[in-house]
Amino acid sequence: MARGGKAKGKSSKTQLCASGEKGCVKPNGTVVWVFCEACEKWYHCPCANVDSKKATDDDFIFVCKSCKPQKEKEFNGLKSELKRQIGLIMDRHPVFSTALIARRCFTSKSASNEYHFGRPGIPVTLRELEEKTMRDVTSVDHFKHMAKVMAERMVSAVKGEFTSEAKAIQSDIEKLLKNVNNGPAALNNAVKNKRGNNKENNAASTTEEEKSSDEDSAPAPKATTKPEPKSRRGQKAKTESATTSEKPVEKPTRVAKRRHKKPPRRSSPRRSLLLQHHPPRVRRSRPKARRRAMLQQPEVGGR
């Protein structure tokens, strides 16, 4: 949050911020102030090392240096549980859990572009909310602002048939933020289901309840002795004692199999007859230089 302009009734030179006399730079002229969400004090942007243009953004959340370590430690303790809770909402609403919401959920292409690229600091889907929570968010106030604005924009942007599902997401996020306000104990005890389909979680919970009720109502089992095994077709009953069963069993030794060599391939009689009558032609070639020399030699005893 930010506030710009001069203070009324006092000059900006004499008006100090929450940094104190030592920490305040005492800037001249029009000064932009930033509000700390933790200690609820106002600071000059130059004193807090914050860009004035960034401070005027609606989605900017400021935490001063003295409060930042405590806020980060508090939020790091809630990160894993927040991720689990957002994952459960994603499982119930898969249409809004992708990287971008499908074009069919909006009335026009311009409405889709306005929703996806209108406010860069706010996530557009539950998946992006989960990613930003684990990567960019450093305080509970930042997470609450981001999740609340995302749900409001989602309800106002989508078409009529998808508005009911967007409103259900908004109610789930409101419950989540309420548990965050109550503390980490309320957040941990909010939902005990695992990630996955909501129907599967409900079925698993009902089956567990039925099992527990059946176990309570069922009588205690009576102690029964197992009957001795009967002999089969002349075989004697097994009467080996526990001492004999505990003896180590000797493993049979494996004998290496002999590999027989395959006999040489015999030529068929038809092939041998063919080779006798029609021997294969062997093509012999001489070098070109030798051939030329033979042609150029004079004939002996010529006329």
C-alpha atoms as a PDB file:
ATOM      1  CA  MET A   1       0.000   0.000   0.000  1.00  0.00           C
ATOM      2  CA  ALA A   2       1.200   3.493  -0.710  1.00  0.00           C
ATOM      3  CA  ARG A   3       0.199   7.100  -0.245  1.00  0.00           C
ATOM      4  CA  GLY A   4       1.559  10.049  -2.209  1.00  0.00           C
ATOM      5  CA  GLY A   5       1.552  13.843  -1.699  1.00  0.00           C
ATOM      6  CA  LYS A   6       2.680  16.380   0.850  1.00  0.00           C
ATOM      7  CA  ALA A   7       1.556  16.351   4.427  1.00  0.00           C
ATOM      8  CA  LYS A   8      -0.882  19.123   5.290  1.00  0.00           C
ATOM      9  CA  GLY A   9       0.143  21.769   7.796  1.00  0.00           C
ATOM     10  CA  LYS A  10       3.781  20.653   7.960  1.00  0.00           C
ATOM     11  CA  SER A  11       6.627  20.839   5.511  1.00  0.00           C
ATOM     12  CA  SER A  12       8.090  17.564   4.279  1.00  0.00           C
ATOM     13  CA  LYS A  13      11.510  18.558   5.685  1.00  0.00           C
ATOM     14  CA  THR A  14      10.417  18.453   9.326  1.00  0.00           C
ATOM     15  CA  GLN A  15       8.040  15.472   9.064  1.00  0.00           C
ATOM     16  CA  LEU A  16       9.813  12.274  10.050  1.00  0.00           C
ATOM     17  CA  CYS A  17       8.787   8.723   9.142  1.00  0.00           C
ATOM     18  CA  ALA A  18       8.873   5.643  11.371  1.00  0.00           C
ATOM     19  CA  SER A  19      12.615   5.201  10.674  1.00  0.00           C
ATOM     20  CA  GLY A  20      13.363   7.843  13.332  1.00  0.00           C
ATOM     21  CA  GLU A  21      15.748  10.787  13.269  1.00  0.00           C
ATOM     22  CA  LYS A  22      18.771   8.639  12.450  1.00  0.00           C
ATOM     23  CA  GLY A  23      17.164   6.488   9.772  1.00  0.00           C
ATOM     24  CA  CYS A  24      14.962   9.113   8.101  1.00  0.00           C
ATOM     25  CA  VAL A  25      16.497  10.822   5.054  1.00  0.00           C
ATOM     26  CA  LYS A  26      14.051  13.803   5.278  1.00  0.00           C
ATOM     27  CA  PRO A  27      13.370  14.048   1.519  1.00  0.00           C
ATOM     28  CA  ASN A  28      12.232  17.321  -0.042  1.00  0.00           C
ATOM     29  CA  GLY A  29       9.178  17.912  -2.191  1.00  0.00           C
ATOM     30  CA  THR A  30       6.412  15.410  -2.883  1.00  0.00           C
ATOM     31  CA  VAL A  31       7.119  12.149  -1.113  1.00  0.00           C
ATOM     32  CA  VAL A  32       5.453   8.716  -1.479  1.00  0.00           C
ATOM     33  CA  TRP A  33       4.821   6.892   1.761  1.00  0.00           C
ATOM     34  CA  VAL A  34       4.552   3.115   2.238  1.00  0.00           C
ATOM     35  CA  PHE A  35       2.616   1.301   4.953  1.00  0.00           C
ATOM     36  CA  CYS A  36       4.082  -1.693   6.802  1.00  0.00           C
ATOM     37  CA  GLU A  37       1.500  -4.472   7.119  1.00  0.00           C
ATOM     38  CA  ALA A  38       3.194  -5.940  10.200  1.00  0.00           C
ATOM     39  CA  CYS A  39       3.855  -3.006  12.530  1.00  0.00           C
ATOM     40  CA  GLU A  40       1.284  -0.666  10.827  1.00  0.00           C
ATOM     41  CA  LYS A  41       3.704   2.255  10.493  1.00  0.00           C
ATOM     42  CA  TRP A  42       4.389   4.647   7.602  1.00  0.00           C
ATOM     43  CA  TYR A  43       7.783   5.072   5.922  1.00  0.00           C
ATOM     44  CA  HIS A  44       9.204   7.304   3.204  1.00  0.00           C
ATOM     45  CA  CYS A  45      10.065   5.338   0.060  1.00  0.00           C
ATOM     46  CA  PRO A  46      13.686   6.660   0.049  1.00  0.00           C
ATOM     47  CA  CYS A  47      14.059   5.693   3.713  1.00  0.00           C
ATOM     48  CA  ALA A  48      12.728   2.171   3.088  1.00  0.00           C
ATOM     49  CA  ASN A  49      14.712   1.695  -0.197  1.00  0.00           C
ATOM     50  CA  VAL A  50      11.491   1.200  -2.180  1.00  0.00           C
ATOM     51  CA  ASP A  51      10.839   2.477  -5.695  1.00  0.00           C
ATOM     52  CA  SER A  52       8.036   5.066  -5.658  1.00  0.00           C
ATOM     53  CA  LYS A  53       6.512   3.706  -8.896  1.00  0.00           C
ATOM     54  CA  LYS A  54       6.448   0.195  -7.477  1.00  0.00           C
ATOM     55  CA  ALA A  55       4.949   1.477  -4.231  1.00  0.00           C
ATOM     56  CA  THR A  56       1.965   3.025  -6.042  1.00  0.00           C
ATOM     57  CA  ASP A  57       0.975  -0.383  -7.466  1.00  0.00           C
ATOM     58  CA  ASP A  58      -2.243  -1.789  -5.997  1.00  0.00           C
ATOM     59  CA  ASP A  59      -0.711  -5.243  -5.503  1.00  0.00           C
ATOM     60  CA  PHE A  60       2.413  -4.048  -3.669  1.00  0.00           C
ATOM     61  CA  ILE A  61       2.689  -5.297  -0.069  1.00  0.00           C
ATOM     62  CA  PHE A  62       5.392  -3.713   2.095  1.00  0.00           C
ATOM     63  CA  VAL A  63       7.025  -5.137   5.228  1.00  0.00           C
ATOM     64  CA  CYS A  64       9.756  -3.093   6.938  1.00  0.00           C
ATOM     65  CA  LYS A  65      13.255  -4.412   7.681  1.00  0.00           C
ATOM     66  CA  SER A  66      12.611  -4.925  11.382  1.00  0.00           C
ATOM     67  CA  CYS A  67       9.461  -7.003  10.790  1.00  0.00           C
ATOM     68  CA  LYS A  68      10.595  -8.934   7.709  1.00  0.00           C
ATOM     69  CA  PRO A  69      12.588 -11.767   9.408  1.00  0.00           C
ATOM     70  CA  GLN A  70       9.740 -12.578  11.785  1.00  0.00           C
ATOM     71  CA  LYS A  71       7.144 -12.539   8.979  1.00  0.00           C
ATOM     72  CA  GLU A  72       9.270 -14.781   6.743  1.00  0.00           C
ATOM     73  CA  LYS A  73       9.798 -17.274   9.567  1.00  0.00           C
ATOM     74  CA  GLU A  74       6.072 -17.311  10.301  1.00  0.00           C
ATOM     75  CA  PHE A  75       5.165 -17.877   6.643  1.00  0.00           C
ATOM     76  CA  ASN A  76       7.809 -20.584   6.078  1.00  0.00           C
ATOM     77  CA  GLY A  77       6.136 -22.627   8.810  1.00  0.00           C
ATOM     78  CA  LEU A  78       2.818 -22.473   6.918  1.00  0.00           C
ATOM     79  CA  LYS A  79       4.117 -23.062   3.382  1.00  0.00           C
ATOM     80  CA  SER A  80       3.796 -26.845   3.269  1.00  0.00           C
ATOM     81  CA  GLU A  81       0.288 -26.822   4.741  1.00  0.00           C
ATOM     82  CA  LEU A  82      -0.855 -24.052   2.384  1.00  0.00           C
ATOM     83  CA  LYS A  83       0.452 -26.036  -0.567  1.00  0.00           C
ATOM     84  CA  ARG A  84      -1.533 -29.068   0.580  1.00  0.00           C
ATOM     85  CA  GLN A  85      -4.732 -27.063   1.047  1.00  0.00           C
ATOM     86  CA  ILE A  86      -4.401 -25.427  -2.387  1.00  0.00           C
ATOM     87  CA  GLY A  87      -3.752 -28.880  -3.866  1.00  0.00           C
ATOM     88  CA  LEU A  88      -7.038 -30.160  -2.428  1.00  0.00           C
ATOM     89  CA  ILE A  89      -8.905 -27.237  -4.027  1.00  0.00           C
ATOM     90  CA  MET A  90      -7.134 -27.986  -7.324  1.00  0.00           C
ATOM     91  CA  ASP A  91      -8.319 -31.603  -7.209  1.00  0.00           C
ATOM     92  CA  ARG A  92     -11.923 -30.470  -6.782  1.00  0.00           C
ATOM     93  CA  HIS A  93     -11.710 -27.912  -9.624  1.00  0.00           C
ATOM     94  CA  PRO A  94      -9.454 -29.241 -12.426  1.00  0.00           C
ATOM     95  CA  VAL A  95     -10.733 -26.683 -14.994  1.00  0.00           C
ATOM     96  CA  PHE A  96      -9.111 -23.850 -13.032  1.00  0.00           C
ATOM     97  CA  SER A  97      -5.937 -25.799 -12.125  1.00  0.00           C
ATOM     98  CA  THR A  98      -4.100 -25.633 -15.460  1.00  0.00           C
ATOM     99  CA  ALA A  99      -1.410 -23.136 -16.516  1.00  0.00           C
ATOM    100  CA  LEU A 100      -4.070 -20.934 -18.178  1.00  0.00           C
ATOM    101  CA  ILE A 101      -7.850 -21.072 -18.078  1.00  0.00           C
ATOM    102  CA  ALA A 102      -9.394 -22.384 -21.308  1.00  0.00           C
ATOM    103  CA  ARG A 103     -10.819 -19.928 -23.835  1.00  0.00           C
ATOM    104  CA  ARG A 104     -14.284 -21.531 -23.594  1.00  0.00           C
ATOM    105  CA  CYS A 105     -14.628 -20.218 -20.021  1.00  0.00           C
ATOM    106  CA  PHE A 106     -14.722 -16.574 -21.222  1.00  0.00           C
ATOM    107  CA  THR A 107     -17.230 -14.635 -23.296  1.00  0.00           C
ATOM    108  CA  SER A 108     -14.621 -13.349 -25.773  1.00  0.00           C
ATOM    109  CA  LYS A 109     -10.929 -13.492 -26.618  1.00  0.00           C
ATOM    110  CA  SER A 110     -10.373  -9.947 -25.352  1.00  0.00           C
ATOM    111  CA  ALA A 111     -11.881 -10.906 -21.983  1.00  0.00           C
ATOM    112  CA  SER A 112      -9.511 -13.891 -21.778  1.00  0.00           C
ATOM    113  CA  ASN A 113      -6.469 -11.723 -22.586  1.00  0.00           C
ATOM    114  CA  GLU A 114      -7.543  -9.064 -20.076  1.00  0.00           C
ATOM    115  CA  TYR A 115      -7.894 -11.654 -17.329  1.00  0.00           C
ATOM    116  CA  HIS A 116      -4.601 -13.450 -18.041  1.00  0.00           C
ATOM    117  CA  PHE A 117      -2.388 -10.417 -18.681  1.00  0.00           C
ATOM    118  CA  GLY A 118      -4.219  -7.526 -16.970  1.00  0.00           C
ATOM    119  CA  ARG A 119      -2.490  -7.755 -13.569  1.00  0.00           C
ATOM    120  CA  PRO A 120       0.914  -9.476 -13.703  1.00  0.00           C
ATOM    121  CA  GLY A 121       1.385  -9.646  -9.925  1.00  0.00           C
ATOM    122  CA  ILE A 122      -1.802 -11.669  -9.369  1.00  0.00           C
ATOM    123  CA  PRO A 123      -2.003 -15.387 -10.281  1.00  0.00           C
ATOM    124  CA  VAL A 124      -4.673 -16.418 -12.782  1.00  0.00           C
ATOM    125  CA  THR A 125      -5.136 -20.096 -11.825  1.00  0.00           C
ATOM    126  CA  LEU A 126      -4.853 -22.272  -8.733  1.00  0.00           C
ATOM    127  CA  ARG A 127      -1.701 -23.841 -10.141  1.00  0.00           C
ATOM    128  CA  GLU A 128      -0.014 -20.448 -10.454  1.00  0.00           C
ATOM    129  CA  LEU A 129      -1.169 -19.545  -6.948  1.00  0.00           C
ATOM    130  CA  GLU A 130       0.552 -22.675  -5.618  1.00  0.00           C
ATOM    131  CA  GLU A 131       3.767 -21.895  -7.545  1.00  0.00           C
ATOM    132  CA  LYS A 132       3.888 -18.251  -6.413  1.00  0.00           C
ATOM    133  CA  THR A 133       3.206 -19.274  -2.814  1.00  0.00           C
ATOM    134  CA  MET A 134       6.235 -21.552  -2.781  1.00  0.00           C
ATOM    135  CA  ARG A 135       8.526 -19.235  -4.785  1.00  0.00           C
ATOM    136  CA  ASP A 136       7.685 -15.517  -4.486  1.00  0.00           C
ATOM    137  CA  VAL A 137       5.526 -14.918  -1.405  1.00  0.00           C
ATOM    138  CA  THR A 138       7.357 -14.037   1.823  1.00  0.00           C
ATOM    139  CA  SER A 139       4.553 -13.045   4.223  1.00  0.00           C
ATOM    140  CA  VAL A 140       1.032 -14.106   5.195  1.00  0.00           C
ATOM    141  CA  ASP A 141      -0.374 -10.679   4.246  1.00  0.00           C
ATOM    142  CA  HIS A 142       1.009 -10.978   0.732  1.00  0.00           C
ATOM    143  CA  PHE A 143      -0.557 -14.431   0.314  1.00  0.00           C
ATOM    144  CA  LYS A 144      -3.931 -13.307   1.628  1.00  0.00           C
ATOM    145  CA  HIS A 145      -4.064 -10.307  -0.723  1.00  0.00           C
ATOM    146  CA  MET A 146      -2.985 -12.383  -3.723  1.00  0.00           C
ATOM    147  CA  ALA A 147      -5.483 -15.219  -3.130  1.00  0.00           C
ATOM    148  CA  LYS A 148      -8.391 -12.861  -2.422  1.00  0.00           C
ATOM    149  CA  VAL A 149      -7.851 -10.735  -5.542  1.00  0.00           C
ATOM    150  CA  MET A 150      -7.424 -13.842  -7.723  1.00  0.00           C
ATOM    151  CA  ALA A 151     -10.767 -15.287  -6.566  1.00  0.00           C
ATOM    152  CA  GLU A 152     -12.593 -11.966  -7.117  1.00  0.00           C
ATOM    153  CA  ARG A 153     -11.165 -11.547 -10.634  1.00  0.00           C
ATOM    154  CA  MET A 154     -11.979 -15.163 -11.491  1.00  0.00           C
ATOM    155  CA  VAL A 155     -15.666 -14.782 -10.526  1.00  0.00           C
ATOM    156  CA  SER A 156     -16.081 -11.540 -12.473  1.00  0.00           C
ATOM    157  CA  ALA A 157     -14.263 -12.733 -15.632  1.00  0.00           C
ATOM    158  CA  VAL A 158     -15.613 -16.201 -16.478  1.00  0.00           C
ATOM    159  CA  LYS A 159     -18.855 -17.041 -18.316  1.00  0.00           C
ATOM    160  CA  GLY A 160     -22.184 -17.821 -16.704  1.00  0.00           C
ATOM    161  CA  GLU A 161     -21.902 -21.619 -16.769  1.00  0.00           C
ATOM    162  CA  PHE A 162     -18.459 -21.489 -15.095  1.00  0.00           C
ATOM    163  CA  THR A 163     -19.402 -18.780 -12.576  1.00  0.00           C
ATOM    164  CA  SER A 164     -20.818 -21.290 -10.077  1.00  0.00           C
ATOM    165  CA  GLU A 165     -17.539 -23.223 -10.014  1.00  0.00           C
ATOM    166  CA  ALA A 166     -15.573 -19.972  -9.656  1.00  0.00           C
ATOM    167  CA  LYS A 167     -17.799 -18.993  -6.714  1.00  0.00           C
ATOM    168  CA  ALA A 168     -17.129 -22.380  -5.112  1.00  0.00           C
ATOM    169  CA  ILE A 169     -13.379 -21.713  -5.449  1.00  0.00           C
ATOM    170  CA  GLN A 170     -13.876 -18.280  -3.871  1.00  0.00           C
ATOM    171  CA  SER A 171     -15.690 -19.798  -0.888  1.00  0.00           C
ATOM    172  CA  ASP A 172     -12.927 -22.413  -0.452  1.00  0.00           C
ATOM    173  CA  ILE A 173     -10.249 -19.709  -0.523  1.00  0.00           C
ATOM    174  CA  GLU A 174     -12.199 -17.616   2.001  1.00  0.00           C
ATOM    175  CA  LYS A 175     -12.299 -20.623   4.355  1.00  0.00           C
ATOM    176  CA  LEU A 176      -8.575 -21.122   3.835  1.00  0.00           C
ATOM    177  CA  LEU A 177      -7.812 -17.475   4.639  1.00  0.00           C
ATOM    178  CA  LYS A 178     -10.028 -17.669   7.723  1.00  0.00           C
ATOM    179  CA  ASN A 179      -8.018 -20.646   8.980  1.00  0.00           C
ATOM    180  CA  VAL A 180      -4.783 -18.742   8.270  1.00  0.00           C
ATOM    181  CA  ASN A 181      -6.046 -15.853  10.405  1.00  0.00           C
ATOM    182  CA  ASN A 182      -6.907 -18.221  13.270  1.00  0.00           C
ATOM    183  CA  GLY A 183      -3.367 -19.593  13.326  1.00  0.00           C
ATOM    184  CA  PRO A 184      -1.341 -22.612  12.205  1.00  0.00           C
ATOM    185  CA  ALA A 185      -3.236 -25.008  14.502  1.00  0.00           C
ATOM    186  CA  ALA A 186      -6.560 -24.223  12.806  1.00  0.00           C
ATOM    187  CA  LEU A 187      -4.940 -24.533   9.391  1.00  0.00           C
ATOM    188  CA  ASN A 188      -3.490 -27.971  10.191  1.00  0.00           C
ATOM    189  CA  ASN A 189      -6.840 -29.264  11.530  1.00  0.00           C
ATOM    190  CA  ALA A 190      -8.913 -27.837   8.660  1.00  0.00           C
ATOM    191  CA  VAL A 191      -8.808 -30.757   6.189  1.00  0.00           C
ATOM    192  CA  LYS A 192      -7.217 -34.159   6.681  1.00  0.00           C
ATOM    193  CA  ASN A 193      -7.837 -35.602   3.214  1.00  0.00           C
ATOM    194  CA  LYS A 194      -4.958 -36.503   0.916  1.00  0.00           C
ATOM    195  CA  ARG A 195      -4.298 -35.201  -2.580  1.00  0.00           C
ATOM    196  CA  GLY A 196      -6.432 -36.893  -5.208  1.00  0.00           C
ATOM    197  CA  ASN A 197     -10.022 -37.083  -6.353  1.00  0.00           C
ATOM    198  CA  ASN A 198     -12.586 -35.774  -3.887  1.00  0.00           C
ATOM    199  CA  LYS A 199     -14.887 -38.753  -4.522  1.00  0.00           C
ATOM    200  CA  GLU A 200     -12.066 -41.155  -3.705  1.00  0.00           C
ATOM    201  CA  ASN A 201     -11.351 -39.311  -0.447  1.00  0.00           C
ATOM    202  CA  ASN A 202     -15.027 -39.435   0.556  1.00  0.00           C
ATOM    203  CA  ALA A 203     -15.270 -43.136  -0.307  1.00  0.00           C
ATOM    204  CA  ALA A 204     -12.110 -43.898   1.678  1.00  0.00           C
ATOM    205  CA  SER A 205     -13.411 -41.997   4.707  1.00  0.00           C
ATOM    206  CA  THR A 206     -16.777 -43.835   4.587  1.00  0.00           C
ATOM    207  CA  THR A 207     -15.111 -47.234   4.270  1.00  0.00           C
ATOM    208  CA  GLU A 208     -12.848 -46.446   7.225  1.00  0.00           C
ATOM    209  CA  GLU A 209     -15.875 -45.446   9.328  1.00  0.00           C
ATOM    210  CA  GLU A 210     -17.727 -48.632   8.363  1.00  0.00           C
ATOM    211  CA  LYS A 211     -14.718 -50.758   9.251  1.00  0.00           C
ATOM    212  CA  SER A 212     -14.357 -49.094  12.650  1.00  0.00           C
ATOM    213  CA  SER A 213     -18.102 -49.544  13.386  1.00  0.00           C
ATOM    214  CA  ASP A 214     -17.994 -53.225  12.333  1.00  0.00           C
ATOM    215  CA  GLU A 215     -14.979 -53.839  14.541  1.00  0.00           C
ATOM    216  CA  ASP A 216     -16.751 -52.274  17.515  1.00  0.00           C
ATOM    217  CA  SER A 217     -19.963 -54.262  16.986  1.00  0.00           C
ATOM    218  CA  ALA A 218     -18.322 -57.627  16.169  1.00  0.00           C
ATOM    219  CA  PRO A 219     -17.885 -60.082  19.111  1.00  0.00           C
ATOM    220  CA  ALA A 220     -14.479 -61.128  20.304  1.00  0.00           C
ATOM    221  CA  PRO A 221     -13.092 -64.124  18.340  1.00  0.00           C
ATOM    222  CA  LYS A 222     -12.912 -67.488  20.139  1.00  0.00           C
ATOM    223  CA  ALA A 223      -9.673 -69.377  20.519  1.00  0.00           C
ATOM    224  CA  THR A 224      -9.699 -72.351  18.150  1.00  0.00           C
ATOM    225  CA  THR A 225      -7.130 -75.069  17.533  1.00  0.00           C
ATOM    226  CA  LYS A 226      -6.119 -75.881  13.985  1.00  0.00           C
ATOM    227  CA  PRO A 227      -6.831 -79.481  12.900  1.00  0.00           C
ATOM    228  CA  GLU A 228      -3.917 -81.684  11.999  1.00  0.00           C
ATOM    229  CA  PRO A 229      -3.393 -82.192   8.266  1.00  0.00           C
ATOM    230  CA  LYS A 230      -4.680 -85.519   6.924  1.00  0.00           C
ATOM    231  CA  SER A 231      -2.570 -87.836   4.787  1.00  0.00           C
ATOM    232  CA  ARG A 232      -3.238 -88.008   1.055  1.00  0.00           C
ATOM    233  CA  ARG A 233      -3.246 -91.252  -0.972  1.00  0.00           C
ATOM    234  CA  GLY A 234      -0.979 -93.298   1.211  1.00  0.00           C
ATOM    235  CA  GLN A 235       1.340 -90.455   2.066  1.00  0.00           C
ATOM    236  CA  LYS A 236       2.263 -90.225   5.702  1.00  0.00           C
ATOM    237  CA  ALA A 237       1.157 -87.166   7.738  1.00  0.00           C
ATOM    238  CA  LYS A 238       3.752 -84.558   8.409  1.00  0.00           C
ATOM    239  CA  THR A 239       5.005 -85.126  11.941  1.00  0.00           C
ATOM    240  CA  GLU A 240       8.259 -83.267  11.747  1.00  0.00           C
ATOM    241  CA  SER A 241       9.120 -81.352  14.882  1.00  0.00           C
ATOM    242  CA  ALA A 242      10.175 -77.712  15.081  1.00  0.00           C
ATOM    243  CA  THR A 243      13.806 -78.706  15.544  1.00  0.00           C
ATOM    244  CA  THR A 244      13.939 -80.577  12.257  1.00  0.00           C
ATOM    245  CA  SER A 245      12.224 -77.723  10.411  1.00  0.00           C
ATOM    246  CA  GLU A 246      14.830 -75.277  11.656  1.00  0.00           C
ATOM    247  CA  LYS A 247      17.693 -77.210  10.043  1.00  0.00           C
ATOM    248  CA  PRO A 248      19.187 -75.539   6.989  1.00  0.00           C
ATOM    249  CA  VAL A 249      18.059 -77.023   3.705  1.00  0.00           C
ATOM    250  CA  GLU A 250      20.855 -78.080   1.400  1.00  0.00           C
ATOM    251  CA  LYS A 251      20.608 -76.565  -2.024  1.00  0.00           C
ATOM    252  CA  PRO A 252      20.992 -78.986  -4.929  1.00  0.00           C
ATOM    253  CA  THR A 253      24.148 -78.537  -6.943  1.00  0.00           C
ATOM    254  CA  ARG A 254      23.706 -77.609 -10.541  1.00  0.00           C
ATOM    255  CA  VAL A 255      25.455 -79.661 -13.205  1.00  0.00           C
ATOM    256  CA  ALA A 256      26.697 -77.772 -16.205  1.00  0.00           C
ATOM    257  CA  LYS A 257      25.030 -78.902 -19.394  1.00  0.00           C
ATOM    258  CA  ARG A 258      27.213 -80.082 -22.263  1.00  0.00           C
ATOM    259  CA  ARG A 259      26.874 -78.136 -25.404  1.00  0.00           C
ATOM    260  CA  HIS A 260      26.946 -80.397 -28.445  1.00  0.00           C
ATOM    261  CA  LYS A 261      28.544 -79.032 -31.548  1.00  0.00           C
ATOM    262  CA  LYS A 262      26.355 -78.875 -34.585  1.00  0.00           C
ATOM    263  CA  PRO A 263      27.403 -81.209 -37.427  1.00  0.00           C
ATOM    264  CA  PRO A 264      28.794 -79.547 -40.548  1.00  0.00           C
ATOM    265  CA  ARG A 265      26.313 -78.667 -43.191  1.00  0.00           C
ATOM    266  CA  ARG A 266      26.177 -81.272 -45.957  1.00  0.00           C
ATOM    267  CA  SER A 267      25.652 -80.217 -49.503  1.00  0.00           C
ATOM    268  CA  SER A 268      22.611 -81.641 -51.210  1.00  0.00           C
ATOM    269  CA  PRO A 269      23.103 -84.078 -54.142  1.00  0.00           C
ATOM    270  CA  ARG A 270      21.274 -81.714 -56.455  1.00  0.00           C
ATOM    271  CA  ARG A 271      23.742 -78.948 -55.687  1.00  0.00           C
ATOM    272  CA  SER A 272      26.760 -81.195 -56.255  1.00  0.00           C
ATOM    273  CA  LEU A 273      25.443 -82.289 -59.677  1.00  0.00           C
ATOM    274  CA  LEU A 274      24.873 -78.704 -60.707  1.00  0.00           C
ATOM    275  CA  LEU A 275      28.410 -77.781 -59.736  1.00  0.00           C
ATOM    276  CA  GLN A 276      29.837 -80.659 -61.773  1.00  0.00           C
ATOM    277  CA  HIS A 277      28.049 -79.751 -65.000  1.00  0.00           C
ATOM    278  CA  HIS A 278      28.042 -76.005 -64.525  1.00  0.00           C
ATOM    279  CA  PRO A 279      31.124 -74.891 -62.599  1.00  0.00           C
ATOM    280  CA  PRO A 280      31.088 -71.307 -61.382  1.00  0.00           C
ATOM    281  CA  ARG A 281      32.700 -68.810 -63.743  1.00  0.00           C
ATOM    282  CA  VAL A 282      35.794 -67.155 -62.389  1.00  0.00           C
ATOM    283  CA  ARG A 283      36.359 -63.815 -63.955  1.00  0.00           C
ATOM    284  CA  ARG A 284      40.030 -62.963 -64.299  1.00  0.00           C
ATOM    285  CA  SER A 285      41.189 -59.504 -65.173  1.00  0.00           C
ATOM    286  CA  ARG A 286      44.670 -58.274 -66.115  1.00  0.00           C
ATOM    287  CA  PRO A 287      46.075 -54.860 -65.462  1.00  0.00           C
ATOM    288  CA  LYS A 288      45.653 -52.335 -68.267  1.00  0.00           C
ATOM    289  CA  ALA A 289      49.402 -51.687 -68.623  1.00  0.00           C
ATOM    290  CA  ARG A 290      50.139 -55.381 -69.055  1.00  0.00           C
ATOM    291  CA  ARG A 291      47.364 -55.704 -71.605  1.00  0.00           C
ATOM    292  CA  ARG A 292      48.739 -52.793 -73.654  1.00  0.00           C
ATOM    293  CA  ALA A 293      52.245 -54.270 -73.603  1.00  0.00           C
ATOM    294  CA  MET A 294      50.956 -57.539 -74.945  1.00  0.00           C
ATOM    295  CA  LEU A 295      49.184 -55.777 -77.783  1.00  0.00           C
ATOM    296  CA  GLN A 296      52.263 -53.700 -78.703  1.00  0.00           C
ATOM    297  CA  GLN A 297      54.670 -56.677 -78.868  1.00  0.00           C
ATOM    298  CA  PRO A 298      55.760 -57.444 -82.481  1.00  0.00           C
ATOM    299  CA  GLU A 299      54.841 -60.786 -83.905  1.00  0.00           C
ATOM    300  CA  VAL A 300      57.695 -63.279 -84.084  1.00  0.00           C
ATOM    301  CA  GLY A 301      58.355 -64.610 -87.616  1.00  0.00           C
ATOM    302  CA  GLY A 302      56.152 -62.062 -89.235  1.00  0.00           C
ATOM    303  CA  ARG A 303      56.009 -61.499 -92.943  1.00  0.00           C
END
